[in-house]
Amino acid sequence: QVDKVAELVARWFYCALSQEKLCRPIVACELGRLYNKDAIIEYLLDKSPDKTPMESASHIKSIKNVTELQLVDNPAWCGDKESIKGDKYDDLQCARFICPVVGLEMNGRHRFCFLRNCGCVFSERALKEIKAEVCHKCGVPFQEEDVIVLNGNKEDVEILKKRMEERRLKSKLEKKSKKGKAAAAAASQQEPSADSPGPSKAKNGKDGKDSVSSSSGENRQIIFTKSSENGNPSVPGKVNKASSSSTKRSIADSQDKSEAYKSIFTTHSSAKRSKEECSNWVTHTAYYF
C-alpha cells in the first residue's frame, strides 16, 4: 500500500507536471491540480514531435485554462532550514500556506478550494461556515460553479471535468455566434440598399435634355439636333466624337458669333500656328523629329 503521508506530500508540495517543489507563481487547472507556472509555460511552448504526452496536463490547451493562485504564507513554516543537519525532526505536515479565514494549513488533511474568478484559496470549512456570494479576501463576486476543489477525490474530479467540458462548449458557441454576427454586419455594410434610387435614376427626367446639366443651353440643342439628324435617339450622358467635332466647326464657322467667342475653339484661325512657331519635340536622347 502507498504511504498516505508520502502521497499527500507528493500531491500538495510538488508540481503535478514536473514533479518539482511548488514555488511561486503557483497555478491550478480546472480539475484542481497544482502546477508551477514555469512548467506549464514550458509544456505549452514545446511543439516538438518527440514531446511525451502527459496525462496530468493533457486537458491544458492554453495558459487561459489555468488560474494563478493567491496564497497566504504560513507564519509557522520555516522552510528547509531545520533539516539541513539532519539532527532534528522534519515535520512533513507543516504546510507553507494556510487558509486566511480559518487558519487551517494546506497540507492535504483538510479540503481546500479556490475561486476561478480571482484565484483566492480558502478551506472548504470556511466557505461552508461563512456563506457569501463575494470572495472573503478580495470581494470579487462568484457562483457555486466557480468553486474548484484542490486535489479532490475521483467524484470531485468527475464533476469538475463535466463542468469544464460544458464551459468550453459554451465558449465555442459564443465565439461562433460572434463571428456570424460580425460577418453579417460586414456583408450588410458592403451591399447597397436595393430600394434607394441611384444617381442616374434620381436625376434623369423624361426628356433627354435634363440629363445634361453642365453644358450650356446652346450646346445642348446643337448636340441633340445632330444626333436626331443621323437617326439615332439622343442618349443622355453619351455624345460621339463626330457630333462633338461637327458642333465645334459649326460654331467656329458661324457668322453670327463674335470673334472673341470664335477664338475659344481650336478651329479658329488664331489657334492655328505656322511651322516656324511650332516647337520641336525633344526626347531624352536629344534627337529632333
C-alpha atoms as a PDB file:
ATOM      1  CA  GLN A   1       0.000   0.000   0.000  1.00  0.00           C
ATOM      2  CA  VAL A   2       1.071   3.539  -0.705  1.00  0.00           C
ATOM      3  CA  ASP A   3       2.046   5.571   2.320  1.00  0.00           C
ATOM      4  CA  LYS A   4      -0.700   8.169   2.853  1.00  0.00           C
ATOM      5  CA  VAL A   5       1.709  10.790   4.165  1.00  0.00           C
ATOM      6  CA  ALA A   6       4.019  10.391   1.155  1.00  0.00           C
ATOM      7  CA  GLU A   7       1.016  10.574  -1.188  1.00  0.00           C
ATOM      8  CA  LEU A   8      -0.234  13.787   0.421  1.00  0.00           C
ATOM      9  CA  VAL A   9       3.234  15.336   0.272  1.00  0.00           C
ATOM     10  CA  ALA A  10       3.572  14.441  -3.419  1.00  0.00           C
ATOM     11  CA  ARG A  11       0.192  15.988  -4.286  1.00  0.00           C
ATOM     12  CA  TRP A  12       0.334  19.137  -2.148  1.00  0.00           C
ATOM     13  CA  PHE A  13       4.034  20.024  -2.074  1.00  0.00           C
ATOM     14  CA  TYR A  14       5.200  19.091  -5.603  1.00  0.00           C
ATOM     15  CA  CYS A  15       4.188  20.092  -9.128  1.00  0.00           C
ATOM     16  CA  ALA A  16       1.912  17.589 -10.865  1.00  0.00           C
ATOM     17  CA  LEU A  17       3.719  18.091 -14.195  1.00  0.00           C
ATOM     18  CA  SER A  18       7.438  18.494 -13.460  1.00  0.00           C
ATOM     19  CA  GLN A  19       7.488  16.728 -10.046  1.00  0.00           C
ATOM     20  CA  GLU A  20       9.491  19.632  -8.622  1.00  0.00           C
ATOM     21  CA  LYS A  21       8.749  21.501  -5.411  1.00  0.00           C
ATOM     22  CA  LEU A  22       5.995  24.039  -5.703  1.00  0.00           C
ATOM     23  CA  CYS A  23       7.281  27.591  -5.778  1.00  0.00           C
ATOM     24  CA  ARG A  24       5.554  30.814  -6.650  1.00  0.00           C
ATOM     25  CA  PRO A  25       3.920  31.556  -9.003  1.00  0.00           C
ATOM     26  CA  ILE A  26       1.681  28.517  -8.480  1.00  0.00           C
ATOM     27  CA  VAL A  27      -1.265  27.800 -10.769  1.00  0.00           C
ATOM     28  CA  ALA A  28      -4.143  25.328 -10.662  1.00  0.00           C
ATOM     29  CA  CYS A  29      -6.097  23.763 -13.526  1.00  0.00           C
ATOM     30  CA  GLU A  30      -9.859  23.318 -13.851  1.00  0.00           C
ATOM     31  CA  LEU A  31      -9.558  19.838 -12.311  1.00  0.00           C
ATOM     32  CA  GLY A  32      -7.879  21.157  -9.143  1.00  0.00           C
ATOM     33  CA  ARG A  33      -4.275  20.047  -9.724  1.00  0.00           C
ATOM     34  CA  LEU A  34      -1.316  22.187  -8.641  1.00  0.00           C
ATOM     35  CA  TYR A  35       1.490  23.199 -11.010  1.00  0.00           C
ATOM     36  CA  ASN A  36       4.424  25.545 -11.232  1.00  0.00           C
ATOM     37  CA  LYS A  37       3.627  28.236 -13.760  1.00  0.00           C
ATOM     38  CA  ASP A  38       7.058  27.890 -15.381  1.00  0.00           C
ATOM     39  CA  ALA A  39       6.446  24.186 -16.017  1.00  0.00           C
ATOM     40  CA  ILE A  40       3.078  24.905 -17.681  1.00  0.00           C
ATOM     41  CA  ILE A  41       4.596  27.566 -19.941  1.00  0.00           C
ATOM     42  CA  GLU A  42       7.417  25.237 -20.996  1.00  0.00           C
ATOM     43  CA  TYR A  43       4.905  22.455 -21.662  1.00  0.00           C
ATOM     44  CA  LEU A  44       2.746  24.701 -23.876  1.00  0.00           C
ATOM     45  CA  LEU A  45       5.721  26.106 -25.792  1.00  0.00           C
ATOM     46  CA  ASP A  46       7.130  22.657 -26.551  1.00  0.00           C
ATOM     47  CA  LYS A  47       5.766  21.810 -30.033  1.00  0.00           C
ATOM     48  CA  SER A  48       8.318  19.116 -30.908  1.00  0.00           C
ATOM     49  CA  PRO A  49       7.030  15.796 -32.306  1.00  0.00           C
ATOM     50  CA  ASP A  50       9.044  13.898 -29.663  1.00  0.00           C
ATOM     51  CA  LYS A  51       7.022  15.502 -26.894  1.00  0.00           C
ATOM     52  CA  THR A  52       5.900  12.908 -24.362  1.00  0.00           C
ATOM     53  CA  PRO A  53       2.155  13.071 -23.640  1.00  0.00           C
ATOM     54  CA  MET A  54       1.435  13.939 -20.007  1.00  0.00           C
ATOM     55  CA  GLU A  55      -1.832  12.727 -18.541  1.00  0.00           C
ATOM     56  CA  SER A  56      -1.724  15.335 -15.787  1.00  0.00           C
ATOM     57  CA  ALA A  57      -1.678  18.197 -18.334  1.00  0.00           C
ATOM     58  CA  SER A  58      -3.441  16.725 -21.379  1.00  0.00           C
ATOM     59  CA  HIS A  59      -6.517  18.906 -20.772  1.00  0.00           C
ATOM     60  CA  ILE A  60      -4.497  22.144 -20.682  1.00  0.00           C
ATOM     61  CA  LYS A  61      -4.506  23.690 -24.159  1.00  0.00           C
ATOM     62  CA  SER A  62      -3.527  27.276 -23.322  1.00  0.00           C
ATOM     63  CA  ILE A  63      -2.446  29.429 -20.405  1.00  0.00           C
ATOM     64  CA  LYS A  64      -6.084  30.555 -20.049  1.00  0.00           C
ATOM     65  CA  ASN A  65      -7.008  27.067 -18.805  1.00  0.00           C
ATOM     66  CA  VAL A  66      -5.081  27.605 -15.555  1.00  0.00           C
ATOM     67  CA  THR A  67      -5.566  30.137 -12.763  1.00  0.00           C
ATOM     68  CA  GLU A  68      -2.772  31.728 -10.755  1.00  0.00           C
ATOM     69  CA  LEU A  69      -3.414  31.174  -7.034  1.00  0.00           C
ATOM     70  CA  GLN A  70      -3.370  33.923  -4.406  1.00  0.00           C
ATOM     71  CA  LEU A  71      -1.895  32.034  -1.466  1.00  0.00           C
ATOM     72  CA  VAL A  72      -1.304  33.156   2.127  1.00  0.00           C
ATOM     73  CA  ASP A  73       2.009  32.172   3.787  1.00  0.00           C
ATOM     74  CA  ASN A  74       2.072  30.151   6.988  1.00  0.00           C
ATOM     75  CA  PRO A  75       3.975  32.056   9.720  1.00  0.00           C
ATOM     76  CA  ALA A  76       4.939  28.753  11.403  1.00  0.00           C
ATOM     77  CA  TRP A  77       6.667  27.402   8.302  1.00  0.00           C
ATOM     78  CA  CYS A  78      10.472  27.691   8.432  1.00  0.00           C
ATOM     79  CA  GLY A  79      11.294  26.060   5.136  1.00  0.00           C
ATOM     80  CA  ASP A  80      14.140  23.559   4.830  1.00  0.00           C
ATOM     81  CA  LYS A  81      16.387  25.263   7.375  1.00  0.00           C
ATOM     82  CA  GLU A  82      15.599  22.786  10.164  1.00  0.00           C
ATOM     83  CA  SER A  83      16.570  19.691   8.176  1.00  0.00           C
ATOM     84  CA  ILE A  84      19.967  20.898   6.968  1.00  0.00           C
ATOM     85  CA  LYS A  85      21.989  18.994   9.571  1.00  0.00           C
ATOM     86  CA  GLY A  86      19.594  16.067   9.881  1.00  0.00           C
ATOM     87  CA  ASP A  87      19.597  16.137  13.680  1.00  0.00           C
ATOM     88  CA  LYS A  88      16.037  17.420  14.007  1.00  0.00           C
ATOM     89  CA  TYR A  89      12.626  16.050  13.206  1.00  0.00           C
ATOM     90  CA  ASP A  90      11.296  17.192   9.857  1.00  0.00           C
ATOM     91  CA  ASP A  91       7.552  17.760  10.168  1.00  0.00           C
ATOM     92  CA  LEU A  92       6.074  16.918   6.776  1.00  0.00           C
ATOM     93  CA  GLN A  93       2.628  18.079   7.847  1.00  0.00           C
ATOM     94  CA  CYS A  94       3.741  21.664   8.356  1.00  0.00           C
ATOM     95  CA  ALA A  95       2.438  23.383   5.236  1.00  0.00           C
ATOM     96  CA  ARG A  96       3.770  26.515   3.585  1.00  0.00           C
ATOM     97  CA  PHE A  97       0.309  28.058   3.059  1.00  0.00           C
ATOM     98  CA  ILE A  98      -2.792  28.408   5.236  1.00  0.00           C
ATOM     99  CA  CYS A  99      -6.417  29.448   4.907  1.00  0.00           C
ATOM    100  CA  PRO A 100      -6.727  33.219   5.513  1.00  0.00           C
ATOM    101  CA  VAL A 101     -10.167  32.857   7.163  1.00  0.00           C
ATOM    102  CA  VAL A 102      -9.940  29.810   9.459  1.00  0.00           C
ATOM    103  CA  GLY A 103      -6.142  29.351   9.627  1.00  0.00           C
ATOM    104  CA  LEU A 104      -6.036  25.679   8.603  1.00  0.00           C
ATOM    105  CA  GLU A 105      -2.810  24.502   6.981  1.00  0.00           C
ATOM    106  CA  MET A 106      -2.923  23.445   3.318  1.00  0.00           C
ATOM    107  CA  ASN A 107      -1.219  20.069   3.820  1.00  0.00           C
ATOM    108  CA  GLY A 108      -3.879  17.680   2.430  1.00  0.00           C
ATOM    109  CA  ARG A 109      -5.533  16.897   5.769  1.00  0.00           C
ATOM    110  CA  HIS A 110      -8.256  19.430   5.057  1.00  0.00           C
ATOM    111  CA  ARG A 111     -10.149  20.112   1.860  1.00  0.00           C
ATOM    112  CA  PHE A 112      -9.195  23.351   0.122  1.00  0.00           C
ATOM    113  CA  CYS A 113     -10.845  25.223  -2.759  1.00  0.00           C
ATOM    114  CA  PHE A 114     -10.018  28.151  -4.995  1.00  0.00           C
ATOM    115  CA  LEU A 115     -12.143  30.602  -6.953  1.00  0.00           C
ATOM    116  CA  ARG A 116     -11.729  30.790 -10.729  1.00  0.00           C
ATOM    117  CA  ASN A 117     -12.549  34.497 -10.897  1.00  0.00           C
ATOM    118  CA  CYS A 118      -9.827  35.792  -8.566  1.00  0.00           C
ATOM    119  CA  GLY A 119      -7.647  32.772  -7.668  1.00  0.00           C
ATOM    120  CA  CYS A 120      -8.016  33.167  -3.876  1.00  0.00           C
ATOM    121  CA  VAL A 121      -7.617  29.931  -1.894  1.00  0.00           C
ATOM    122  CA  PHE A 122      -9.774  29.015   1.125  1.00  0.00           C
ATOM    123  CA  SER A 123     -10.559  25.917   3.102  1.00  0.00           C
ATOM    124  CA  GLU A 124     -13.882  24.239   2.409  1.00  0.00           C
ATOM    125  CA  ARG A 125     -14.828  24.714   6.056  1.00  0.00           C
ATOM    126  CA  ALA A 126     -14.501  28.499   5.715  1.00  0.00           C
ATOM    127  CA  LEU A 127     -16.745  28.596   2.632  1.00  0.00           C
ATOM    128  CA  LYS A 128     -19.391  26.469   4.342  1.00  0.00           C
ATOM    129  CA  GLU A 129     -19.399  28.249   7.692  1.00  0.00           C
ATOM    130  CA  ILE A 130     -19.241  31.786   6.279  1.00  0.00           C
ATOM    131  CA  LYS A 131     -21.608  31.650   3.330  1.00  0.00           C
ATOM    132  CA  ALA A 132     -21.327  34.579   0.974  1.00  0.00           C
ATOM    133  CA  GLU A 133     -21.576  35.349  -2.728  1.00  0.00           C
ATOM    134  CA  VAL A 134     -18.447  37.516  -2.566  1.00  0.00           C
ATOM    135  CA  CYS A 135     -14.831  36.484  -2.027  1.00  0.00           C
ATOM    136  CA  HIS A 136     -13.775  36.827   1.634  1.00  0.00           C
ATOM    137  CA  LYS A 137     -10.396  38.203   0.662  1.00  0.00           C
ATOM    138  CA  CYS A 138     -10.779  40.469  -2.386  1.00  0.00           C
ATOM    139  CA  GLY A 139     -14.557  40.940  -2.652  1.00  0.00           C
ATOM    140  CA  VAL A 140     -14.987  39.587  -6.197  1.00  0.00           C
ATOM    141  CA  PRO A 141     -18.450  38.017  -6.729  1.00  0.00           C
ATOM    142  CA  PHE A 142     -18.557  34.307  -7.574  1.00  0.00           C
ATOM    143  CA  GLN A 143     -21.023  31.470  -8.108  1.00  0.00           C
ATOM    144  CA  GLU A 144     -21.054  27.865  -6.996  1.00  0.00           C
ATOM    145  CA  GLU A 145     -19.667  26.743 -10.376  1.00  0.00           C
ATOM    146  CA  ASP A 146     -16.586  28.933  -9.865  1.00  0.00           C
ATOM    147  CA  VAL A 147     -15.516  26.994  -6.745  1.00  0.00           C
ATOM    148  CA  ILE A 148     -12.976  24.286  -7.636  1.00  0.00           C
ATOM    149  CA  VAL A 149     -11.734  21.713  -5.125  1.00  0.00           C
ATOM    150  CA  LEU A 150      -7.947  21.300  -4.945  1.00  0.00           C
ATOM    151  CA  ASN A 151      -6.699  17.711  -5.255  1.00  0.00           C
ATOM    152  CA  GLY A 152     -10.170  16.249  -4.807  1.00  0.00           C
ATOM    153  CA  ASN A 153     -11.194  12.592  -4.972  1.00  0.00           C
ATOM    154  CA  LYS A 154     -12.475  10.754  -8.050  1.00  0.00           C
ATOM    155  CA  GLU A 155     -16.052  12.005  -7.633  1.00  0.00           C
ATOM    156  CA  ASP A 156     -14.882  15.623  -7.365  1.00  0.00           C
ATOM    157  CA  VAL A 157     -12.692  15.212 -10.476  1.00  0.00           C
ATOM    158  CA  GLU A 158     -15.606  13.796 -12.498  1.00  0.00           C
ATOM    159  CA  ILE A 159     -17.864  16.699 -11.515  1.00  0.00           C
ATOM    160  CA  LEU A 160     -15.159  19.240 -12.336  1.00  0.00           C
ATOM    161  CA  LYS A 161     -14.495  17.532 -15.671  1.00  0.00           C
ATOM    162  CA  LYS A 162     -18.172  17.813 -16.676  1.00  0.00           C
ATOM    163  CA  ARG A 163     -18.206  21.489 -15.721  1.00  0.00           C
ATOM    164  CA  MET A 164     -15.024  22.080 -17.705  1.00  0.00           C
ATOM    165  CA  GLU A 165     -16.468  20.461 -20.854  1.00  0.00           C
ATOM    166  CA  GLU A 166     -19.722  22.426 -20.565  1.00  0.00           C
ATOM    167  CA  ARG A 167     -17.816  25.677 -20.048  1.00  0.00           C
ATOM    168  CA  ARG A 168     -15.581  25.129 -23.067  1.00  0.00           C
ATOM    169  CA  LEU A 169     -18.516  24.124 -25.293  1.00  0.00           C
ATOM    170  CA  LYS A 170     -20.393  27.246 -24.242  1.00  0.00           C
ATOM    171  CA  SER A 171     -17.396  29.460 -25.036  1.00  0.00           C
ATOM    172  CA  LYS A 172     -17.068  27.862 -28.513  1.00  0.00           C
ATOM    173  CA  LEU A 173     -20.711  28.510 -29.290  1.00  0.00           C
ATOM    174  CA  GLU A 174     -20.395  32.126 -28.161  1.00  0.00           C
ATOM    175  CA  LYS A 175     -17.355  32.637 -30.400  1.00  0.00           C
ATOM    176  CA  LYS A 176     -19.187  31.159 -33.404  1.00  0.00           C
ATOM    177  CA  SER A 177     -22.208  33.384 -32.805  1.00  0.00           C
ATOM    178  CA  LYS A 178     -19.989  36.475 -32.537  1.00  0.00           C
ATOM    179  CA  LYS A 179     -18.216  35.597 -35.799  1.00  0.00           C
ATOM    180  CA  GLY A 180     -21.541  35.053 -37.565  1.00  0.00           C
ATOM    181  CA  LYS A 181     -22.869  38.413 -36.367  1.00  0.00           C
ATOM    182  CA  ALA A 182     -19.682  40.194 -37.439  1.00  0.00           C
ATOM    183  CA  ALA A 183     -19.789  38.586 -40.907  1.00  0.00           C
ATOM    184  CA  ALA A 184     -23.470  39.507 -41.338  1.00  0.00           C
ATOM    185  CA  ALA A 185     -22.782  43.114 -40.309  1.00  0.00           C
ATOM    186  CA  ALA A 186     -19.864  43.375 -42.760  1.00  0.00           C
ATOM    187  CA  ALA A 187     -21.977  41.930 -45.593  1.00  0.00           C
ATOM    188  CA  SER A 188     -24.835  44.323 -44.882  1.00  0.00           C
ATOM    189  CA  GLN A 189     -22.438  47.283 -44.987  1.00  0.00           C
ATOM    190  CA  GLN A 190     -20.916  46.212 -48.313  1.00  0.00           C
ATOM    191  CA  GLU A 191     -24.203  45.539 -50.147  1.00  0.00           C
ATOM    192  CA  PRO A 192     -26.030  48.774 -51.168  1.00  0.00           C
ATOM    193  CA  SER A 193     -29.694  49.013 -50.392  1.00  0.00           C
ATOM    194  CA  ALA A 194     -31.862  47.966 -53.348  1.00  0.00           C
ATOM    195  CA  ASP A 195     -34.700  50.380 -52.513  1.00  0.00           C
ATOM    196  CA  SER A 196     -32.612  53.566 -52.642  1.00  0.00           C
ATOM    197  CA  PRO A 197     -32.557  55.052 -56.194  1.00  0.00           C
ATOM    198  CA  GLY A 198     -29.213  55.521 -57.911  1.00  0.00           C
ATOM    199  CA  PRO A 199     -27.901  58.875 -59.065  1.00  0.00           C
ATOM    200  CA  SER A 200     -28.872  58.230 -62.709  1.00  0.00           C
ATOM    201  CA  LYS A 201     -32.459  57.275 -61.803  1.00  0.00           C
ATOM    202  CA  ALA A 202     -32.943  60.163 -59.433  1.00  0.00           C
ATOM    203  CA  LYS A 203     -31.564  62.887 -61.706  1.00  0.00           C
ATOM    204  CA  ASN A 204     -32.702  61.733 -65.159  1.00  0.00           C
ATOM    205  CA  GLY A 205     -36.115  63.028 -66.180  1.00  0.00           C
ATOM    206  CA  LYS A 206     -38.434  62.177 -69.034  1.00  0.00           C
ATOM    207  CA  ASP A 207     -36.665  64.406 -71.553  1.00  0.00           C
ATOM    208  CA  GLY A 208     -33.121  63.782 -72.652  1.00  0.00           C
ATOM    209  CA  LYS A 209     -32.313  67.454 -72.264  1.00  0.00           C
ATOM    210  CA  ASP A 210     -32.496  67.268 -68.472  1.00  0.00           C
ATOM    211  CA  SER A 211     -29.714  64.648 -68.302  1.00  0.00           C
ATOM    212  CA  VAL A 212     -27.027  67.086 -69.426  1.00  0.00           C
ATOM    213  CA  SER A 213     -26.691  69.780 -66.762  1.00  0.00           C
ATOM    214  CA  SER A 214     -23.110  71.005 -67.085  1.00  0.00           C
ATOM    215  CA  SER A 215     -23.190  72.133 -70.757  1.00  0.00           C
ATOM    216  CA  SER A 216     -24.774  75.367 -71.920  1.00  0.00           C
ATOM    217  CA  GLY A 217     -28.213  75.563 -73.488  1.00  0.00           C
ATOM    218  CA  GLU A 218     -26.909  76.286 -76.947  1.00  0.00           C
ATOM    219  CA  ASN A 219     -24.536  73.323 -76.984  1.00  0.00           C
ATOM    220  CA  ARG A 220     -27.303  71.051 -75.743  1.00  0.00           C
ATOM    221  CA  GLN A 221     -29.658  71.980 -78.578  1.00  0.00           C
ATOM    222  CA  ILE A 222     -26.962  71.571 -81.217  1.00  0.00           C
ATOM    223  CA  ILE A 223     -25.868  68.150 -79.901  1.00  0.00           C
ATOM    224  CA  PHE A 224     -29.358  66.751 -79.925  1.00  0.00           C
ATOM    225  CA  THR A 225     -30.205  68.135 -83.337  1.00  0.00           C
ATOM    226  CA  LYS A 226     -27.095  66.464 -84.782  1.00  0.00           C
ATOM    227  CA  SER A 227     -27.903  63.105 -83.190  1.00  0.00           C
ATOM    228  CA  SER A 228     -31.514  63.297 -84.330  1.00  0.00           C
ATOM    229  CA  GLU A 229     -30.465  64.055 -87.890  1.00  0.00           C
ATOM    230  CA  ASN A 230     -28.358  60.908 -88.009  1.00  0.00           C
ATOM    231  CA  GLY A 231     -31.358  58.858 -86.976  1.00  0.00           C
ATOM    232  CA  ASN A 232     -30.035  57.817 -83.568  1.00  0.00           C
ATOM    233  CA  PRO A 233     -32.082  58.701 -80.484  1.00  0.00           C
ATOM    234  CA  SER A 234     -30.470  61.065 -78.021  1.00  0.00           C
ATOM    235  CA  VAL A 235     -28.819  59.139 -75.209  1.00  0.00           C
ATOM    236  CA  PRO A 236     -28.239  61.205 -72.011  1.00  0.00           C
ATOM    237  CA  GLY A 237     -24.597  61.403 -70.952  1.00  0.00           C
ATOM    238  CA  LYS A 238     -23.210  59.901 -74.212  1.00  0.00           C
ATOM    239  CA  VAL A 239     -22.119  62.013 -77.215  1.00  0.00           C
ATOM    240  CA  ASN A 240     -19.996  60.545 -80.030  1.00  0.00           C
ATOM    241  CA  LYS A 241     -16.844  62.284 -81.210  1.00  0.00           C
ATOM    242  CA  ALA A 242     -18.141  63.017 -84.716  1.00  0.00           C
ATOM    243  CA  SER A 243     -21.087  65.027 -83.434  1.00  0.00           C
ATOM    244  CA  SER A 244     -18.896  66.989 -80.958  1.00  0.00           C
ATOM    245  CA  SER A 245     -16.346  67.891 -83.675  1.00  0.00           C
ATOM    246  CA  SER A 246     -19.093  68.951 -86.096  1.00  0.00           C
ATOM    247  CA  THR A 247     -20.642  71.191 -83.442  1.00  0.00           C
ATOM    248  CA  LYS A 248     -17.295  72.901 -82.807  1.00  0.00           C
ATOM    249  CA  ARG A 249     -16.791  73.553 -86.527  1.00  0.00           C
ATOM    250  CA  SER A 250     -20.301  74.885 -86.992  1.00  0.00           C
ATOM    251  CA  ILE A 251     -19.910  77.284 -84.081  1.00  0.00           C
ATOM    252  CA  ALA A 252     -16.468  78.471 -85.227  1.00  0.00           C
ATOM    253  CA  ASP A 253     -17.653  78.990 -88.833  1.00  0.00           C
ATOM    254  CA  SER A 254     -20.915  80.697 -87.940  1.00  0.00           C
ATOM    255  CA  GLN A 255     -21.020  84.373 -88.794  1.00  0.00           C
ATOM    256  CA  ASP A 256     -23.477  85.332 -86.055  1.00  0.00           C
ATOM    257  CA  LYS A 257     -20.912  84.887 -83.268  1.00  0.00           C
ATOM    258  CA  SER A 258     -18.242  87.387 -82.308  1.00  0.00           C
ATOM    259  CA  GLU A 259     -14.508  86.915 -82.934  1.00  0.00           C
ATOM    260  CA  ALA A 260     -13.825  86.594 -79.175  1.00  0.00           C
ATOM    261  CA  TYR A 261     -16.304  83.760 -78.948  1.00  0.00           C
ATOM    262  CA  LYS A 262     -14.874  82.047 -82.053  1.00  0.00           C
ATOM    263  CA  SER A 263     -11.308  82.269 -80.708  1.00  0.00           C
ATOM    264  CA  ILE A 264     -12.217  79.824 -77.948  1.00  0.00           C
ATOM    265  CA  PHE A 265     -12.271  76.910 -80.384  1.00  0.00           C
ATOM    266  CA  THR A 266      -9.209  75.229 -81.903  1.00  0.00           C
ATOM    267  CA  THR A 267     -10.615  75.538 -85.433  1.00  0.00           C
ATOM    268  CA  HIS A 268     -10.268  79.315 -85.338  1.00  0.00           C
ATOM    269  CA  SER A 269      -7.518  80.946 -87.390  1.00  0.00           C
ATOM    270  CA  SER A 270      -5.905  82.428 -84.275  1.00  0.00           C
ATOM    271  CA  ALA A 271      -5.393  78.928 -82.843  1.00  0.00           C
ATOM    272  CA  LYS A 272      -3.520  77.747 -85.914  1.00  0.00           C
ATOM    273  CA  ARG A 273       0.249  78.212 -85.878  1.00  0.00           C
ATOM    274  CA  SER A 274       2.807  78.090 -88.586  1.00  0.00           C
ATOM    275  CA  LYS A 275       5.615  75.553 -88.682  1.00  0.00           C
ATOM    276  CA  GLU A 276       8.098  78.182 -87.590  1.00  0.00           C
ATOM    277  CA  GLU A 277       6.102  78.979 -84.484  1.00  0.00           C
ATOM    278  CA  CYS A 278       5.616  75.335 -83.556  1.00  0.00           C
ATOM    279  CA  SER A 279       8.239  73.942 -81.198  1.00  0.00           C
ATOM    280  CA  ASN A 280      10.055  70.674 -81.844  1.00  0.00           C
ATOM    281  CA  TRP A 281       9.549  67.625 -79.663  1.00  0.00           C
ATOM    282  CA  VAL A 282      12.595  66.774 -77.550  1.00  0.00           C
ATOM    283  CA  THR A 283      13.291  63.270 -76.220  1.00  0.00           C
ATOM    284  CA  HIS A 284      15.790  62.098 -73.646  1.00  0.00           C
ATOM    285  CA  THR A 285      18.253  61.243 -76.486  1.00  0.00           C
ATOM    286  CA  ALA A 286      18.118  64.899 -77.718  1.00  0.00           C
ATOM    287  CA  TYR A 287      17.039  63.840 -81.224  1.00  0.00           C
ATOM    288  CA  TYR A 288      14.697  66.220 -83.032  1.00  0.00           C
ATOM    289  CA  PHE A 289      11.819  64.886 -85.027  1.00  0.00           C
END
